[in-house]
Amino acid sequence: MFDALCDRKVAERRARQLLAGTIAAAIYNVNRDPEKSEPITAIDFVPDLKRELEAEKKEQTLDEMIEVLSSVMGCGPGR
């Protein structure tokens, strides 16, 4: 029960950060010099979420894919 409350609190905090980041990114992008800087997104203002998304983008090696599929399907090398 306590874990669920903590998870909900984290989700609420991220939602607030994302909303504030949307406003900040819009203000920044409207006022930036397109020749000197790149546009930013709301995710740039939510460091935890940005790290998680970058970690998810990491490509799996062939051995990692085989290990995941073997554990899910209950078969494969060494089983």
PDB file of N, CA and C in Angstrom:
ATOM      1  N   MET A   1       0.819  -1.184   0.000  1.00  0.00           N
ATOM      2  CA  MET A   1       0.000   0.000   0.000  1.00  0.00           C
ATOM      3  C   MET A   1       0.872   1.261   0.000  1.00  0.00           C
ATOM      4  N   PHE A   2       1.918   1.249   0.856  1.00  0.00           N
ATOM      5  CA  PHE A   2       2.804   2.394   0.925  1.00  0.00           C
ATOM      6  C   PHE A   2       3.521   2.618  -0.405  1.00  0.00           C
ATOM      7  N   ASP A   3       3.939   1.517  -1.049  1.00  0.00           N
ATOM      8  CA  ASP A   3       4.616   1.633  -2.348  1.00  0.00           C
ATOM      9  C   ASP A   3       3.706   2.256  -3.392  1.00  0.00           C
ATOM     10  N   ALA A   4       2.436   1.889  -3.366  1.00  0.00           N
ATOM     11  CA  ALA A   4       1.482   2.446  -4.322  1.00  0.00           C
ATOM     12  C   ALA A   4       1.322   3.954  -4.098  1.00  0.00           C
ATOM     13  N   LEU A   5       1.286   4.373  -2.843  1.00  0.00           N
ATOM     14  CA  LEU A   5       1.186   5.798  -2.536  1.00  0.00           C
ATOM     15  C   LEU A   5       2.433   6.555  -3.003  1.00  0.00           C
ATOM     16  N   CYS A   6       3.585   5.947  -2.798  1.00  0.00           N
ATOM     17  CA  CYS A   6       4.838   6.576  -3.250  1.00  0.00           C
ATOM     18  C   CYS A   6       4.872   6.676  -4.769  1.00  0.00           C
ATOM     19  N   ASP A   7       4.453   5.611  -5.447  1.00  0.00           N
ATOM     20  CA  ASP A   7       4.421   5.631  -6.912  1.00  0.00           C
ATOM     21  C   ASP A   7       3.482   6.711  -7.426  1.00  0.00           C
ATOM     22  N   ARG A   8       2.334   6.867  -6.765  1.00  0.00           N
ATOM     23  CA  ARG A   8       1.379   7.889  -7.177  1.00  0.00           C
ATOM     24  C   ARG A   8       1.969   9.286  -6.975  1.00  0.00           C
ATOM     25  N   LYS A   9       2.674   9.478  -5.878  1.00  0.00           N
ATOM     26  CA  LYS A   9       3.301  10.774  -5.601  1.00  0.00           C
ATOM     27  C   LYS A   9       4.361  11.096  -6.657  1.00  0.00           C
ATOM     28  N   VAL A  10       5.153  10.108  -7.039  1.00  0.00           N
ATOM     29  CA  VAL A  10       6.171  10.299  -8.073  1.00  0.00           C
ATOM     30  C   VAL A  10       5.503  10.637  -9.407  1.00  0.00           C
ATOM     31  N   ALA A  11       4.429   9.942  -9.742  1.00  0.00           N
ATOM     32  CA  ALA A  11       3.716  10.207 -10.994  1.00  0.00           C
ATOM     33  C   ALA A  11       3.130  11.617 -11.006  1.00  0.00           C
ATOM     34  N   GLU A  12       2.596  12.054  -9.874  1.00  0.00           N
ATOM     35  CA  GLU A  12       2.052  13.411  -9.784  1.00  0.00           C
ATOM     36  C   GLU A  12       3.154  14.451  -9.957  1.00  0.00           C
ATOM     37  N   ARG A  13       4.312  14.213  -9.329  1.00  0.00           N
ATOM     38  CA  ARG A  13       5.431  15.141  -9.444  1.00  0.00           C
ATOM     39  C   ARG A  13       5.910  15.231 -10.886  1.00  0.00           C
ATOM     40  N   ARG A  14       6.024  14.094 -11.548  1.00  0.00           N
ATOM     41  CA  ARG A  14       6.449  14.091 -12.948  1.00  0.00           C
ATOM     42  C   ARG A  14       5.439  14.812 -13.839  1.00  0.00           C
ATOM     43  N   ALA A  15       4.172  14.617 -13.565  1.00  0.00           N
ATOM     44  CA  ALA A  15       3.141  15.289 -14.361  1.00  0.00           C
ATOM     45  C   ALA A  15       3.247  16.797 -14.204  1.00  0.00           C
ATOM     46  N   ARG A  16       3.458  17.263 -12.963  1.00  0.00           N
ATOM     47  CA  ARG A  16       3.621  18.701 -12.734  1.00  0.00           C
ATOM     48  C   ARG A  16       4.873  19.228 -13.421  1.00  0.00           C
ATOM     49  N   GLN A  17       5.964  18.459 -13.351  1.00  0.00           N
ATOM     50  CA  GLN A  17       7.200  18.877 -14.010  1.00  0.00           C
ATOM     51  C   GLN A  17       7.017  18.928 -15.523  1.00  0.00           C
ATOM     52  N   LEU A  18       6.300  17.969 -16.063  1.00  0.00           N
ATOM     53  CA  LEU A  18       6.074  17.938 -17.504  1.00  0.00           C
ATOM     54  C   LEU A  18       5.218  19.119 -17.950  1.00  0.00           C
ATOM     55  N   LEU A  19       4.209  19.463 -17.160  1.00  0.00           N
ATOM     56  CA  LEU A  19       3.386  20.628 -17.492  1.00  0.00           C
ATOM     57  C   LEU A  19       4.206  21.920 -17.434  1.00  0.00           C
ATOM     58  N   ALA A  20       4.994  22.063 -16.394  1.00  0.00           N
ATOM     59  CA  ALA A  20       5.844  23.249 -16.283  1.00  0.00           C
ATOM     60  C   ALA A  20       6.890  23.260 -17.397  1.00  0.00           C
ATOM     61  N   GLY A  21       7.415  22.086 -17.738  1.00  0.00           N
ATOM     62  CA  GLY A  21       8.393  21.981 -18.817  1.00  0.00           C
ATOM     63  C   GLY A  21       7.802  22.344 -20.164  1.00  0.00           C
ATOM     64  N   THR A  22       6.527  22.029 -20.373  1.00  0.00           N
ATOM     65  CA  THR A  22       5.856  22.392 -21.625  1.00  0.00           C
ATOM     66  C   THR A  22       5.804  23.912 -21.780  1.00  0.00           C
ATOM     67  N   ILE A  23       5.468  24.585 -20.696  1.00  0.00           N
ATOM     68  CA  ILE A  23       5.411  26.052 -20.738  1.00  0.00           C
ATOM     69  C   ILE A  23       6.805  26.629 -20.934  1.00  0.00           C
ATOM     70  N   ALA A  24       7.772  26.115 -20.178  1.00  0.00           N
ATOM     71  CA  ALA A  24       9.136  26.633 -20.287  1.00  0.00           C
ATOM     72  C   ALA A  24       9.713  26.393 -21.680  1.00  0.00           C
ATOM     73  N   ALA A  25       9.464  25.205 -22.253  1.00  0.00           N
ATOM     74  CA  ALA A  25       9.975  24.895 -23.592  1.00  0.00           C
ATOM     75  C   ALA A  25       9.325  25.795 -24.643  1.00  0.00           C
ATOM     76  N   ALA A  26       8.032  26.053 -24.489  1.00  0.00           N
ATOM     77  CA  ALA A  26       7.345  26.926 -25.446  1.00  0.00           C
ATOM     78  C   ALA A  26       7.919  28.336 -25.398  1.00  0.00           C
ATOM     79  N   ILE A  27       8.133  28.854 -24.192  1.00  0.00           N
ATOM     80  CA  ILE A  27       8.696  30.197 -24.058  1.00  0.00           C
ATOM     81  C   ILE A  27      10.109  30.239 -24.640  1.00  0.00           C
ATOM     82  N   TYR A  28      10.907  29.231 -24.316  1.00  0.00           N
ATOM     83  CA  TYR A  28      12.273  29.179 -24.829  1.00  0.00           C
ATOM     84  C   TYR A  28      12.294  29.104 -26.353  1.00  0.00           C
ATOM     85  N   ASN A  29      11.501  28.202 -26.901  1.00  0.00           N
ATOM     86  CA  ASN A  29      11.518  27.982 -28.347  1.00  0.00           C
ATOM     87  C   ASN A  29      11.017  29.196 -29.131  1.00  0.00           C
ATOM     88  N   VAL A  30      10.092  29.951 -28.568  1.00  0.00           N
ATOM     89  CA  VAL A  30       9.596  31.146 -29.241  1.00  0.00           C
ATOM     90  C   VAL A  30      10.668  32.235 -29.268  1.00  0.00           C
ATOM     91  N   ASN A  31      11.461  32.307 -28.203  1.00  0.00           N
ATOM     92  CA  ASN A  31      12.439  33.385 -28.069  1.00  0.00           C
ATOM     93  C   ASN A  31      13.867  33.006 -28.459  1.00  0.00           C
ATOM     94  N   ARG A  32      14.102  31.802 -28.895  1.00  0.00           N
ATOM     95  CA  ARG A  32      15.469  31.387 -29.220  1.00  0.00           C
ATOM     96  C   ARG A  32      15.874  31.869 -30.608  1.00  0.00           C
ATOM     97  N   ASP A  33      17.170  31.913 -30.826  1.00  0.00           N
ATOM     98  CA  ASP A  33      17.708  32.243 -32.141  1.00  0.00           C
ATOM     99  C   ASP A  33      17.901  30.928 -32.893  1.00  0.00           C
ATOM    100  N   PRO A  34      17.133  30.669 -33.963  1.00  0.00           N
ATOM    101  CA  PRO A  34      17.203  29.375 -34.647  1.00  0.00           C
ATOM    102  C   PRO A  34      18.579  29.046 -35.214  1.00  0.00           C
ATOM    103  N   GLU A  35      19.389  30.064 -35.435  1.00  0.00           N
ATOM    104  CA  GLU A  35      20.712  29.816 -35.991  1.00  0.00           C
ATOM    105  C   GLU A  35      21.736  29.453 -34.919  1.00  0.00           C
ATOM    106  N   LYS A  36      21.442  29.756 -33.675  1.00  0.00           N
ATOM    107  CA  LYS A  36      22.408  29.522 -32.604  1.00  0.00           C
ATOM    108  C   LYS A  36      22.060  28.353 -31.694  1.00  0.00           C
ATOM    109  N   SER A  37      20.802  27.953 -31.648  1.00  0.00           N
ATOM    110  CA  SER A  37      20.424  26.896 -30.716  1.00  0.00           C
ATOM    111  C   SER A  37      19.344  25.994 -31.304  1.00  0.00           C
ATOM    112  N   GLU A  38      19.294  24.805 -30.755  1.00  0.00           N
ATOM    113  CA  GLU A  38      18.297  23.812 -31.150  1.00  0.00           C
ATOM    114  C   GLU A  38      17.047  23.971 -30.286  1.00  0.00           C
ATOM    115  N   PRO A  39      15.883  23.590 -30.815  1.00  0.00           N
ATOM    116  CA  PRO A  39      14.673  23.634 -29.975  1.00  0.00           C
ATOM    117  C   PRO A  39      14.755  22.583 -28.869  1.00  0.00           C
ATOM    118  N   ILE A  40      14.068  22.846 -27.784  1.00  0.00           N
ATOM    119  CA  ILE A  40      14.028  21.900 -26.676  1.00  0.00           C
ATOM    120  C   ILE A  40      12.596  21.426 -26.481  1.00  0.00           C
ATOM    121  N   THR A  41      12.444  20.338 -25.742  1.00  0.00           N
ATOM    122  CA  THR A  41      11.118  19.782 -25.468  1.00  0.00           C
ATOM    123  C   THR A  41      10.852  19.826 -23.965  1.00  0.00           C
ATOM    124  N   ALA A  42       9.634  19.534 -23.606  1.00  0.00           N
ATOM    125  CA  ALA A  42       9.260  19.523 -22.191  1.00  0.00           C
ATOM    126  C   ALA A  42      10.027  18.452 -21.425  1.00  0.00           C
ATOM    127  N   ILE A  43      10.390  17.370 -22.086  1.00  0.00           N
ATOM    128  CA  ILE A  43      11.111  16.277 -21.427  1.00  0.00           C
ATOM    129  C   ILE A  43      12.490  16.737 -20.967  1.00  0.00           C
ATOM    130  N   ASP A  44      13.044  17.749 -21.626  1.00  0.00           N
ATOM    131  CA  ASP A  44      14.336  18.279 -21.205  1.00  0.00           C
ATOM    132  C   ASP A  44      14.279  18.868 -19.801  1.00  0.00           C
ATOM    133  N   PHE A  45      13.102  19.181 -19.301  1.00  0.00           N
ATOM    134  CA  PHE A  45      12.932  19.755 -17.976  1.00  0.00           C
ATOM    135  C   PHE A  45      12.540  18.718 -16.921  1.00  0.00           C
ATOM    136  N   VAL A  46      12.465  17.460 -17.308  1.00  0.00           N
ATOM    137  CA  VAL A  46      12.123  16.383 -16.371  1.00  0.00           C
ATOM    138  C   VAL A  46      13.286  15.384 -16.391  1.00  0.00           C
ATOM    139  N   PRO A  47      14.334  15.632 -15.575  1.00  0.00           N
ATOM    140  CA  PRO A  47      15.552  14.830 -15.662  1.00  0.00           C
ATOM    141  C   PRO A  47      15.338  13.335 -15.441  1.00  0.00           C
ATOM    142  N   ASP A  48      14.480  12.960 -14.494  1.00  0.00           N
ATOM    143  CA  ASP A  48      14.250  11.531 -14.226  1.00  0.00           C
ATOM    144  C   ASP A  48      13.655  10.841 -15.444  1.00  0.00           C
ATOM    145  N   LEU A  49      12.663  11.458 -16.032  1.00  0.00           N
ATOM    146  CA  LEU A  49      11.990  10.875 -17.193  1.00  0.00           C
ATOM    147  C   LEU A  49      12.933  10.820 -18.386  1.00  0.00           C
ATOM    148  N   LYS A  50      13.729  11.844 -18.550  1.00  0.00           N
ATOM    149  CA  LYS A  50      14.680  11.875 -19.665  1.00  0.00           C
ATOM    150  C   LYS A  50      15.688  10.739 -19.544  1.00  0.00           C
ATOM    151  N   ARG A  51      16.198  10.514 -18.329  1.00  0.00           N
ATOM    152  CA  ARG A  51      17.149   9.408 -18.116  1.00  0.00           C
ATOM    153  C   ARG A  51      16.492   8.064 -18.422  1.00  0.00           C
ATOM    154  N   GLU A  52      15.255   7.879 -17.972  1.00  0.00           N
ATOM    155  CA  GLU A  52      14.551   6.616 -18.225  1.00  0.00           C
ATOM    156  C   GLU A  52      14.334   6.389 -19.716  1.00  0.00           C
ATOM    157  N   LEU A  53      13.940   7.423 -20.422  1.00  0.00           N
ATOM    158  CA  LEU A  53      13.712   7.289 -21.861  1.00  0.00           C
ATOM    159  C   LEU A  53      15.004   6.982 -22.599  1.00  0.00           C
ATOM    160  N   GLU A  54      16.102   7.602 -22.182  1.00  0.00           N
ATOM    161  CA  GLU A  54      17.385   7.322 -22.811  1.00  0.00           C
ATOM    162  C   GLU A  54      17.836   5.898 -22.515  1.00  0.00           C
ATOM    163  N   ALA A  55      17.565   5.413 -21.311  1.00  0.00           N
ATOM    164  CA  ALA A  55      17.932   4.041 -20.959  1.00  0.00           C
ATOM    165  C   ALA A  55      17.123   3.034 -21.773  1.00  0.00           C
ATOM    166  N   GLU A  56      15.855   3.350 -22.037  1.00  0.00           N
ATOM    167  CA  GLU A  56      15.012   2.463 -22.834  1.00  0.00           C
ATOM    168  C   GLU A  56      15.463   2.399 -24.288  1.00  0.00           C
ATOM    169  N   LYS A  57      16.081   3.468 -24.764  1.00  0.00           N
ATOM    170  CA  LYS A  57      16.511   3.518 -26.154  1.00  0.00           C
ATOM    171  C   LYS A  57      17.764   2.680 -26.407  1.00  0.00           C
ATOM    172  N   LYS A  58      18.456   2.282 -25.325  1.00  0.00           N
ATOM    173  CA  LYS A  58      19.672   1.501 -25.467  1.00  0.00           C
ATOM    174  C   LYS A  58      19.362   0.198 -26.198  1.00  0.00           C
ATOM    175  N   GLU A  59      20.126  -0.066 -27.233  1.00  0.00           N
ATOM    176  CA  GLU A  59      19.891  -1.280 -28.018  1.00  0.00           C
ATOM    177  C   GLU A  59      20.363  -2.499 -27.249  1.00  0.00           C
ATOM    178  N   GLN A  60      19.610  -3.576 -27.374  1.00  0.00           N
ATOM    179  CA  GLN A  60      19.983  -4.821 -26.736  1.00  0.00           C
ATOM    180  C   GLN A  60      20.964  -5.579 -27.627  1.00  0.00           C
ATOM    181  N   THR A  61      21.844  -6.307 -26.982  1.00  0.00           N
ATOM    182  CA  THR A  61      22.732  -7.175 -27.733  1.00  0.00           C
ATOM    183  C   THR A  61      21.959  -8.443 -28.092  1.00  0.00           C
ATOM    184  N   LEU A  62      22.501  -9.223 -29.002  1.00  0.00           N
ATOM    185  CA  LEU A  62      21.854 -10.472 -29.407  1.00  0.00           C
ATOM    186  C   LEU A  62      21.705 -11.405 -28.209  1.00  0.00           C
ATOM    187  N   ASP A  63      22.739 -11.477 -27.359  1.00  0.00           N
ATOM    188  CA  ASP A  63      22.671 -12.345 -26.176  1.00  0.00           C
ATOM    189  C   ASP A  63      21.562 -11.901 -25.217  1.00  0.00           C
ATOM    190  N   GLU A  64      21.374 -10.590 -25.051  1.00  0.00           N
ATOM    191  CA  GLU A  64      20.307 -10.089 -24.188  1.00  0.00           C
ATOM    192  C   GLU A  64      18.936 -10.449 -24.758  1.00  0.00           C
ATOM    193  N   MET A  65      18.779 -10.340 -26.072  1.00  0.00           N
ATOM    194  CA  MET A  65      17.509 -10.699 -26.698  1.00  0.00           C
ATOM    195  C   MET A  65      17.205 -12.177 -26.517  1.00  0.00           C
ATOM    196  N   ILE A  66      18.217 -13.016 -26.710  1.00  0.00           N
ATOM    197  CA  ILE A  66      18.038 -14.458 -26.548  1.00  0.00           C
ATOM    198  C   ILE A  66      17.667 -14.780 -25.104  1.00  0.00           C
ATOM    199  N   GLU A  67      18.330 -14.126 -24.151  1.00  0.00           N
ATOM    200  CA  GLU A  67      18.040 -14.369 -22.734  1.00  0.00           C
ATOM    201  C   GLU A  67      16.603 -13.993 -22.379  1.00  0.00           C
ATOM    202  N   VAL A  68      16.138 -12.842 -22.854  1.00  0.00           N
ATOM    203  CA  VAL A  68      14.770 -12.396 -22.564  1.00  0.00           C
ATOM    204  C   VAL A  68      13.763 -13.345 -23.184  1.00  0.00           C
ATOM    205  N   LEU A  69      13.949 -13.669 -24.449  1.00  0.00           N
ATOM    206  CA  LEU A  69      13.001 -14.571 -25.127  1.00  0.00           C
ATOM    207  C   LEU A  69      13.006 -15.967 -24.502  1.00  0.00           C
ATOM    208  N   SER A  70      14.187 -16.443 -24.111  1.00  0.00           N
ATOM    209  CA  SER A  70      14.276 -17.763 -23.481  1.00  0.00           C
ATOM    210  C   SER A  70      13.525 -17.789 -22.165  1.00  0.00           C
ATOM    211  N   SER A  71      13.665 -16.722 -21.375  1.00  0.00           N
ATOM    212  CA  SER A  71      12.982 -16.706 -20.073  1.00  0.00           C
ATOM    213  C   SER A  71      11.479 -16.568 -20.236  1.00  0.00           C
ATOM    214  N   VAL A  72      11.036 -15.812 -21.250  1.00  0.00           N
ATOM    215  CA  VAL A  72       9.603 -15.632 -21.462  1.00  0.00           C
ATOM    216  C   VAL A  72       8.962 -16.905 -22.004  1.00  0.00           C
ATOM    217  N   MET A  73       9.634 -17.534 -22.961  1.00  0.00           N
ATOM    218  CA  MET A  73       9.054 -18.701 -23.616  1.00  0.00           C
ATOM    219  C   MET A  73       9.403 -20.014 -22.932  1.00  0.00           C
ATOM    220  N   GLY A  74      10.344 -19.971 -21.999  1.00  0.00           N
ATOM    221  CA  GLY A  74      10.705 -21.176 -21.269  1.00  0.00           C
ATOM    222  C   GLY A  74      11.483 -22.183 -22.096  1.00  0.00           C
ATOM    223  N   CYS A  75      12.136 -21.728 -23.116  1.00  0.00           N
ATOM    224  CA  CYS A  75      12.940 -22.624 -23.955  1.00  0.00           C
ATOM    225  C   CYS A  75      14.135 -21.829 -24.468  1.00  0.00           C
ATOM    226  N   GLY A  76      14.999 -22.491 -25.198  1.00  0.00           N
ATOM    227  CA  GLY A  76      16.129 -21.809 -25.789  1.00  0.00           C
ATOM    228  C   GLY A  76      17.431 -22.402 -25.296  1.00  0.00           C
ATOM    229  N   PRO A  77      18.537 -21.735 -25.588  1.00  0.00           N
ATOM    230  CA  PRO A  77      19.855 -22.261 -25.202  1.00  0.00           C
ATOM    231  C   PRO A  77      19.971 -22.458 -23.698  1.00  0.00           C
ATOM    232  N   GLY A  78      20.437 -23.602 -23.290  1.00  0.00           N
ATOM    233  CA  GLY A  78      20.651 -23.896 -21.878  1.00  0.00           C
ATOM    234  C   GLY A  78      19.391 -24.233 -21.117  1.00  0.00           C
ATOM    235  N   ARG A  79      18.263 -24.487 -21.792  1.00  0.00           N
ATOM    236  CA  ARG A  79      17.021 -24.827 -21.083  1.00  0.00           C
ATOM    237  C   ARG A  79      16.526 -26.169 -21.493  1.00  0.00           C
TER     238      ARG A  79
END
